[in-house]
Protein backbone atom coordinates (compact mmCIF):
# COMPACT_ATOMS: atom_id res chain seq x y z
CA MET A 1 -0.82 -19.79 -9.17
CA TRP A 2 0.34 -22.57 -11.45
CA SER A 3 -1.63 -25.75 -11.24
CA LEU A 4 -1.14 -29.22 -12.63
CA ASP A 5 -4.86 -29.99 -12.51
CA GLY A 6 -6.08 -31.66 -15.65
CA PHE A 7 -2.85 -33.47 -16.41
CA THR A 8 -3.36 -37.20 -15.89
CA ASP A 9 0.20 -37.92 -14.82
CA GLY A 10 0.87 -34.57 -13.13
CA VAL A 11 3.27 -33.44 -15.86
CA PRO A 12 2.36 -30.30 -17.83
CA ARG A 13 2.43 -30.64 -21.59
CA MET A 14 3.07 -28.08 -24.30
CA SER A 15 -0.09 -26.94 -26.04
CA SER A 16 -0.76 -28.09 -29.55
CA ARG A 17 -0.34 -24.61 -30.98
CA SER A 18 1.99 -24.23 -33.90
CA PHE A 19 5.30 -22.39 -33.81
CA PRO A 20 5.96 -19.70 -34.75
CA PRO A 21 2.79 -18.17 -33.39
CA GLY A 22 0.13 -17.13 -35.85
CA ALA A 23 -1.31 -13.63 -36.28
CA SER A 24 -4.20 -14.26 -33.89
CA GLU A 25 -1.82 -15.46 -31.15
CA LEU A 26 0.42 -12.41 -31.64
CA ALA A 27 -2.63 -10.15 -31.45
CA SER A 28 -3.66 -11.90 -28.24
CA ILE A 29 -0.22 -11.32 -26.70
CA SER A 30 -0.33 -7.67 -27.83
CA ASN A 31 -3.68 -7.26 -26.07
CA SER A 32 -2.21 -8.84 -22.97
CA LEU A 33 0.76 -6.45 -23.12
CA GLU A 34 -1.68 -3.53 -23.14
CA ALA A 35 -3.23 -5.03 -20.01
CA VAL A 36 0.27 -5.29 -18.48
CA ASP A 37 0.83 -1.58 -19.20
CA SER A 38 -2.47 -0.78 -17.47
CA ARG A 39 -1.48 -2.90 -14.48
CA LEU A 40 1.92 -1.17 -14.34
CA ALA A 41 0.16 2.19 -14.14
CA GLU A 42 -2.19 0.89 -11.43
CA ALA A 43 0.63 -0.71 -9.42
CA CYS A 44 2.71 2.46 -9.53
CA ASN A 45 -0.04 4.96 -8.82
CA SER A 46 0.98 7.30 -6.02
CA PRO A 47 -0.61 10.31 -4.35
CA VAL A 48 2.86 11.93 -4.26
CA ALA A 49 3.38 14.13 -7.34
CA PHE A 50 7.15 13.58 -7.38
CA LEU A 51 6.71 9.80 -7.49
CA ARG A 52 3.96 10.04 -10.15
CA ASP A 53 6.31 12.05 -12.39
CA LEU A 54 9.19 9.65 -11.83
CA ILE A 55 7.07 6.56 -12.48
CA ASP A 56 5.38 8.11 -15.50
CA GLN A 57 8.75 8.76 -17.12
CA LEU A 58 9.91 5.25 -16.34
CA ILE A 59 6.82 3.46 -17.66
CA SER A 60 6.30 5.65 -20.72
CA SER A 61 9.95 5.69 -21.78
CA GLY A 62 9.37 2.87 -24.24
CA GLY A 63 11.03 -0.46 -24.45
CA LYS A 64 9.90 -3.66 -26.04
CA ARG A 65 8.33 -5.17 -22.91
CA LEU A 66 10.37 -8.29 -23.70
CA ARG A 67 10.15 -9.77 -20.20
CA PRO A 68 6.35 -9.66 -19.91
CA ARG A 69 6.10 -10.89 -23.50
CA LEU A 70 8.24 -13.92 -22.61
CA VAL A 71 6.13 -14.61 -19.51
CA LEU A 72 2.91 -14.45 -21.55
CA GLU A 73 4.35 -16.64 -24.31
CA ALA A 74 5.50 -19.23 -21.78
CA TYR A 75 2.13 -19.15 -20.07
CA SER A 76 0.32 -19.59 -23.38
CA CYS A 77 2.23 -22.83 -23.95
CA TYR A 78 0.32 -24.33 -21.02
CA SER A 79 -2.93 -22.44 -21.21
CA ASN A 80 -5.28 -21.08 -23.83
CA ASP A 81 -5.79 -17.91 -21.79
CA PRO A 82 -2.74 -15.61 -21.75
CA HIS A 83 -5.12 -12.94 -20.40
CA SER A 84 -5.59 -14.81 -17.13
CA HIS A 85 -5.13 -12.93 -13.89
CA GLU A 86 -2.12 -15.06 -12.93
CA ALA A 87 -0.32 -14.57 -16.24
CA LEU A 88 -0.85 -10.81 -16.20
CA GLU A 89 0.30 -10.51 -12.58
CA VAL A 90 3.54 -12.42 -13.23
CA ALA A 91 4.18 -10.48 -16.46
CA THR A 92 3.64 -7.18 -14.63
CA ALA A 93 5.93 -8.24 -11.79
CA ALA A 94 8.65 -9.21 -14.28
CA GLU A 95 8.47 -5.75 -15.88
CA LEU A 96 8.45 -3.96 -12.51
CA ILE A 97 11.60 -5.82 -11.45
CA HIS A 98 13.24 -4.94 -14.76
CA LEU A 99 12.32 -1.25 -14.45
CA ALA A 100 13.68 -1.17 -10.91
CA SER A 101 16.93 -2.71 -12.15
CA LEU A 102 17.22 0.03 -14.80
CA VAL A 103 16.85 2.75 -12.17
CA HIS A 104 19.37 0.99 -9.94
CA ASP A 105 21.79 0.70 -12.85
CA ASP A 106 21.42 4.39 -13.69
CA VAL A 107 22.04 5.40 -10.08
CA ILE A 108 25.09 3.16 -9.68
CA ASP A 109 26.56 4.30 -13.02
CA ASP A 110 25.51 7.93 -12.46
CA ALA A 111 24.00 7.74 -15.96
CA GLU A 112 22.89 10.94 -17.65
CA THR A 113 20.69 9.35 -20.33
CA ARG A 114 18.66 6.22 -20.95
CA ARG A 115 17.13 5.48 -24.37
CA GLY A 116 18.19 8.90 -25.59
CA VAL A 117 16.49 10.98 -22.88
CA ALA A 118 17.55 12.18 -19.45
CA SER A 119 17.73 9.24 -17.07
CA ILE A 120 15.64 9.03 -13.90
CA ASN A 121 18.88 9.61 -12.01
CA ALA A 122 19.75 12.77 -13.96
CA ARG A 123 16.23 14.19 -13.89
CA PHE A 124 15.34 13.47 -10.28
CA SER A 125 18.78 13.21 -8.61
């Protein structure tokens, strides 16, 4: 949960970090993105083989993970810990919503491919 604790007037301030981010900050975000991928796998774990196959294709199909990256970057403007539980949970939720929208789009459009491979819709009907 976001908190305004520590701000004397109750208004959050940007951190004093420089823009564009330095190599250490980019490495930190990359580490956080790996944690997001782990959380995606945990959140989508299912005892049903069909669902595991579907989710595995969806999560491992690539992508830049732009949405979780933006969440983590925004969070790092207000905190020195982009690895915090809250930041990772929101970043994971943003990616889950995006992935669900891709599946929905493929179903509505009756898409055969996504990112050069058979879409979830084509593969799993």
